[in-house]
């Protein structure tokens, strides 16, 4: 009995002072098969039959007391360890968050999206077409006869005698006319890349983007064209902007017009941007040529229409004050960062 009580006090004192490492060592020392508690059972052979059950019960109680004390100590040590980790890994939520570098839409994409929003709001559809185009849709259906300068090899990237990298998104319009000639009226815009042989400089590029528009229906007039373009310019630049038409020539429109807008910088008073004139050339337009309608199977006596085409790079350069078109294609992150919303 004295041995059992002494062993119990010794074990409980050692457990109370143990750390995580020594606690496991104490478990082996006292509770393993060859430990101190189990070794007491060897004394059973010296006891009488009446004493053995009582002694066995006492040894079992000792084992339970030591085991319970070890479990409690382990929970205490685990809780202390968790508290220490929480303190050491605690986050200071008052610190500034890490600022992740965010991308942005390219200025050409911004302008294209804005144009699409404007015209979809007016009931237009957005049409697309192949960049590798046939001579038929790029030129012939657009009323561009053989021998026209636009067909010259110096202007156009031909891949074989009848196929080329489209030089104008008018080719998309010609495809739309062919596909939808039985489903009038037609109202579409055609944004996309075009390619022309040109020497790259601050204002020219061999690859650029256009957004052309086409409307075909009954009783379509120049007044409809002017109203449409005036709305577009005011949405893109200034609510007070005005436009003017100047006579021009395009094979697929008659009459044809160059369109100027009042300078968005000076409001038409004259400045370096508009070279003192108060006006800036912005796009070309006109009434669809009857030959174009007839080639698409549309009665030109019953239906009329208008078309226009603007360079997306030109709009972006005017809108954002970009002075060199090459900046739009150099992939300079510092340049693109200026367009973050």
Foldseek 3Di string as FASTA:
>chain_A
DVVLVVVLVVLLVCLVPDAPVVLVVSCCQDPNCPHDLVVVVVCLVVDDPVVNVVVVVSSVVSNVSSVVSSVVSVVVNVVVVVVVVCVVPPDDVVDDDDDDDDADDFLLVVLVVLLVVLQVVVVAAEFEDDQWAWCCLLAVLLQHDPPHPCPDVQWFAAPDPTIGRRADQSSRVLVCLLVCVVPDFHWYKYKDKGATNDDAWQPDDRIFMKIKIKTKDFPDDVVNVLVSVQSVCCSLANVLKHKDWDFDDDSFAPRKTFMKIFQSVPRQCADVVCNGRRIDTFWIKHKGDCSSNVVSVHHSVGMIMMMIMGTSLVSSCSRVVRRGSVVSPPPDRVVSVVPHD
